[in-house]
Amino acid sequence: MVRYMPITGLDCTIPALLIDTEAPLDVLHESAAYRIRCATQLLEQLAADSTLQNDAITVSELAQLLVIPLRDGCDLLDVIGRRLQAEVLST
């Protein structure tokens, strides 16, 4: 695994946002949990807001916006999983 992995949310030739795959596992986990928790909380608010349910454009735009932290969180969890798997295989 390379040291600095670009997040998958951006498709560009020179990535600017990178994950340090050698960061401590607790730091990677905290970052993943924060991003997923933020997106989840907003999704819960949207689900509870009956005024937005009839505004398909706003809901669609918010859903597209929430993909960013969720994808980042998944990328971080992927790094954690790879690191843990490597530890299991090395023992």
C-alpha atoms as a PDB file:
ATOM      1  CA  MET A   1       0.000   0.000   0.000  1.00  0.00           C
ATOM      2  CA  VAL A   2       1.366   3.413  -0.930  1.00  0.00           C
ATOM      3  CA  ARG A   3       1.959   5.908   1.896  1.00  0.00           C
ATOM      4  CA  TYR A   4      -0.352   8.635   0.562  1.00  0.00           C
ATOM      5  CA  MET A   5      -3.521   7.419  -1.116  1.00  0.00           C
ATOM      6  CA  PRO A   6      -5.789   9.890  -2.922  1.00  0.00           C
ATOM      7  CA  ILE A   7      -9.408   9.946  -1.866  1.00  0.00           C
ATOM      8  CA  THR A   8     -11.644   8.326  -4.455  1.00  0.00           C
ATOM      9  CA  GLY A   9     -14.169  11.135  -4.624  1.00  0.00           C
ATOM     10  CA  LEU A  10     -12.076  13.235  -6.984  1.00  0.00           C
ATOM     11  CA  ASP A  11     -11.171  12.168 -10.475  1.00  0.00           C
ATOM     12  CA  CYS A  12      -8.228  14.381 -11.374  1.00  0.00           C
ATOM     13  CA  THR A  13      -4.714  13.866 -12.651  1.00  0.00           C
ATOM     14  CA  ILE A  14      -2.988  15.467  -9.652  1.00  0.00           C
ATOM     15  CA  PRO A  15      -4.815  14.617  -6.408  1.00  0.00           C
ATOM     16  CA  ALA A  16      -4.708  17.260  -3.693  1.00  0.00           C
ATOM     17  CA  LEU A  17      -6.522  15.374  -0.936  1.00  0.00           C
ATOM     18  CA  LEU A  18      -4.660  12.342   0.344  1.00  0.00           C
ATOM     19  CA  ILE A  19      -4.968   9.786   3.138  1.00  0.00           C
ATOM     20  CA  ASP A  20      -1.807   8.989   5.073  1.00  0.00           C
ATOM     21  CA  THR A  21      -2.088   5.199   5.100  1.00  0.00           C
ATOM     22  CA  GLU A  22       0.568   5.021   7.824  1.00  0.00           C
ATOM     23  CA  ALA A  23      -1.303   7.275  10.258  1.00  0.00           C
ATOM     24  CA  PRO A  24      -2.205   5.628  13.575  1.00  0.00           C
ATOM     25  CA  LEU A  25      -5.301   3.416  13.316  1.00  0.00           C
ATOM     26  CA  ASP A  26      -7.149   5.414  15.977  1.00  0.00           C
ATOM     27  CA  VAL A  27      -6.616   8.620  13.991  1.00  0.00           C
ATOM     28  CA  LEU A  28      -7.861   7.000  10.781  1.00  0.00           C
ATOM     29  CA  HIS A  29     -10.871   5.592  12.641  1.00  0.00           C
ATOM     30  CA  GLU A  30     -11.704   8.919  14.279  1.00  0.00           C
ATOM     31  CA  SER A  31     -11.562  10.674  10.898  1.00  0.00           C
ATOM     32  CA  ALA A  32     -13.775   8.043   9.270  1.00  0.00           C
ATOM     33  CA  ALA A  33     -16.277   8.064  12.125  1.00  0.00           C
ATOM     34  CA  TYR A  34     -16.504  11.869  12.095  1.00  0.00           C
ATOM     35  CA  ARG A  35     -17.268  12.044   8.382  1.00  0.00           C
ATOM     36  CA  ILE A  36     -19.806   9.227   8.487  1.00  0.00           C
ATOM     37  CA  ARG A  37     -21.456  10.627  11.626  1.00  0.00           C
ATOM     38  CA  CYS A  38     -21.812  14.121  10.078  1.00  0.00           C
ATOM     39  CA  ALA A  39     -23.440  12.727   6.953  1.00  0.00           C
ATOM     40  CA  THR A  40     -25.683  10.424   8.972  1.00  0.00           C
ATOM     41  CA  GLN A  41     -26.892  13.241  11.224  1.00  0.00           C
ATOM     42  CA  LEU A  42     -27.795  15.411   8.256  1.00  0.00           C
ATOM     43  CA  LEU A  43     -29.568  12.508   6.542  1.00  0.00           C
ATOM     44  CA  GLU A  44     -31.570  11.906   9.720  1.00  0.00           C
ATOM     45  CA  GLN A  45     -32.583  15.584   9.795  1.00  0.00           C
ATOM     46  CA  LEU A  46     -33.614  15.446   6.142  1.00  0.00           C
ATOM     47  CA  ALA A  47     -35.702  12.351   6.738  1.00  0.00           C
ATOM     48  CA  ALA A  48     -37.492  14.046   9.619  1.00  0.00           C
ATOM     49  CA  ASP A  49     -38.138  17.321   7.727  1.00  0.00           C
ATOM     50  CA  SER A  50     -41.452  16.914   5.946  1.00  0.00           C
ATOM     51  CA  THR A  51     -41.075  20.257   4.136  1.00  0.00           C
ATOM     52  CA  LEU A  52     -38.085  19.002   2.142  1.00  0.00           C
ATOM     53  CA  GLN A  53     -39.679  15.744   1.058  1.00  0.00           C
ATOM     54  CA  ASN A  54     -41.606  17.542  -1.695  1.00  0.00           C
ATOM     55  CA  ASP A  55     -38.551  19.427  -2.981  1.00  0.00           C
ATOM     56  CA  ALA A  56     -36.812  16.812  -5.122  1.00  0.00           C
ATOM     57  CA  ILE A  57     -34.127  19.190  -6.369  1.00  0.00           C
ATOM     58  CA  THR A  58     -33.000  20.210  -2.878  1.00  0.00           C
ATOM     59  CA  VAL A  59     -33.020  16.616  -1.672  1.00  0.00           C
ATOM     60  CA  SER A  60     -31.036  15.519  -4.726  1.00  0.00           C
ATOM     61  CA  GLU A  61     -28.447  18.279  -4.231  1.00  0.00           C
ATOM     62  CA  LEU A  62     -28.095  17.477  -0.528  1.00  0.00           C
ATOM     63  CA  ALA A  63     -27.719  13.777  -1.317  1.00  0.00           C
ATOM     64  CA  GLN A  64     -24.930  14.564  -3.787  1.00  0.00           C
ATOM     65  CA  LEU A  65     -23.247  16.718  -1.144  1.00  0.00           C
ATOM     66  CA  LEU A  66     -23.458  13.955   1.466  1.00  0.00           C
ATOM     67  CA  VAL A  67     -21.720  11.501  -0.837  1.00  0.00           C
ATOM     68  CA  ILE A  68     -18.437  13.365  -0.256  1.00  0.00           C
ATOM     69  CA  PRO A  69     -17.982  12.704   3.490  1.00  0.00           C
ATOM     70  CA  LEU A  70     -19.459   9.212   3.168  1.00  0.00           C
ATOM     71  CA  ARG A  71     -16.998   8.280   0.411  1.00  0.00           C
ATOM     72  CA  ASP A  72     -14.122   9.795   2.420  1.00  0.00           C
ATOM     73  CA  GLY A  73     -15.193   7.759   5.442  1.00  0.00           C
ATOM     74  CA  CYS A  74     -15.342   4.596   3.355  1.00  0.00           C
ATOM     75  CA  ASP A  75     -11.866   5.297   1.962  1.00  0.00           C
ATOM     76  CA  LEU A  76     -10.535   5.670   5.502  1.00  0.00           C
ATOM     77  CA  LEU A  77     -12.257   2.462   6.602  1.00  0.00           C
ATOM     78  CA  ASP A  78     -10.725   0.707   3.599  1.00  0.00           C
ATOM     79  CA  VAL A  79      -7.243   1.752   4.748  1.00  0.00           C
ATOM     80  CA  ILE A  80      -8.014   0.553   8.284  1.00  0.00           C
ATOM     81  CA  GLY A  81      -9.227  -2.782   6.929  1.00  0.00           C
ATOM     82  CA  ARG A  82      -6.129  -3.265   4.798  1.00  0.00           C
ATOM     83  CA  ARG A  83      -3.861  -2.424   7.719  1.00  0.00           C
ATOM     84  CA  LEU A  84      -5.661  -4.815  10.047  1.00  0.00           C
ATOM     85  CA  GLN A  85      -5.605  -7.559   7.416  1.00  0.00           C
ATOM     86  CA  ALA A  86      -1.865  -7.041   6.918  1.00  0.00           C
ATOM     87  CA  GLU A  87      -1.345  -7.374  10.688  1.00  0.00           C
ATOM     88  CA  VAL A  88      -3.308 -10.635  10.759  1.00  0.00           C
ATOM     89  CA  LEU A  89      -1.365 -12.062   7.835  1.00  0.00           C
ATOM     90  CA  SER A  90       2.002 -11.095   9.310  1.00  0.00           C
ATOM     91  CA  THR A  91       1.403 -12.941  12.585  1.00  0.00           C
END
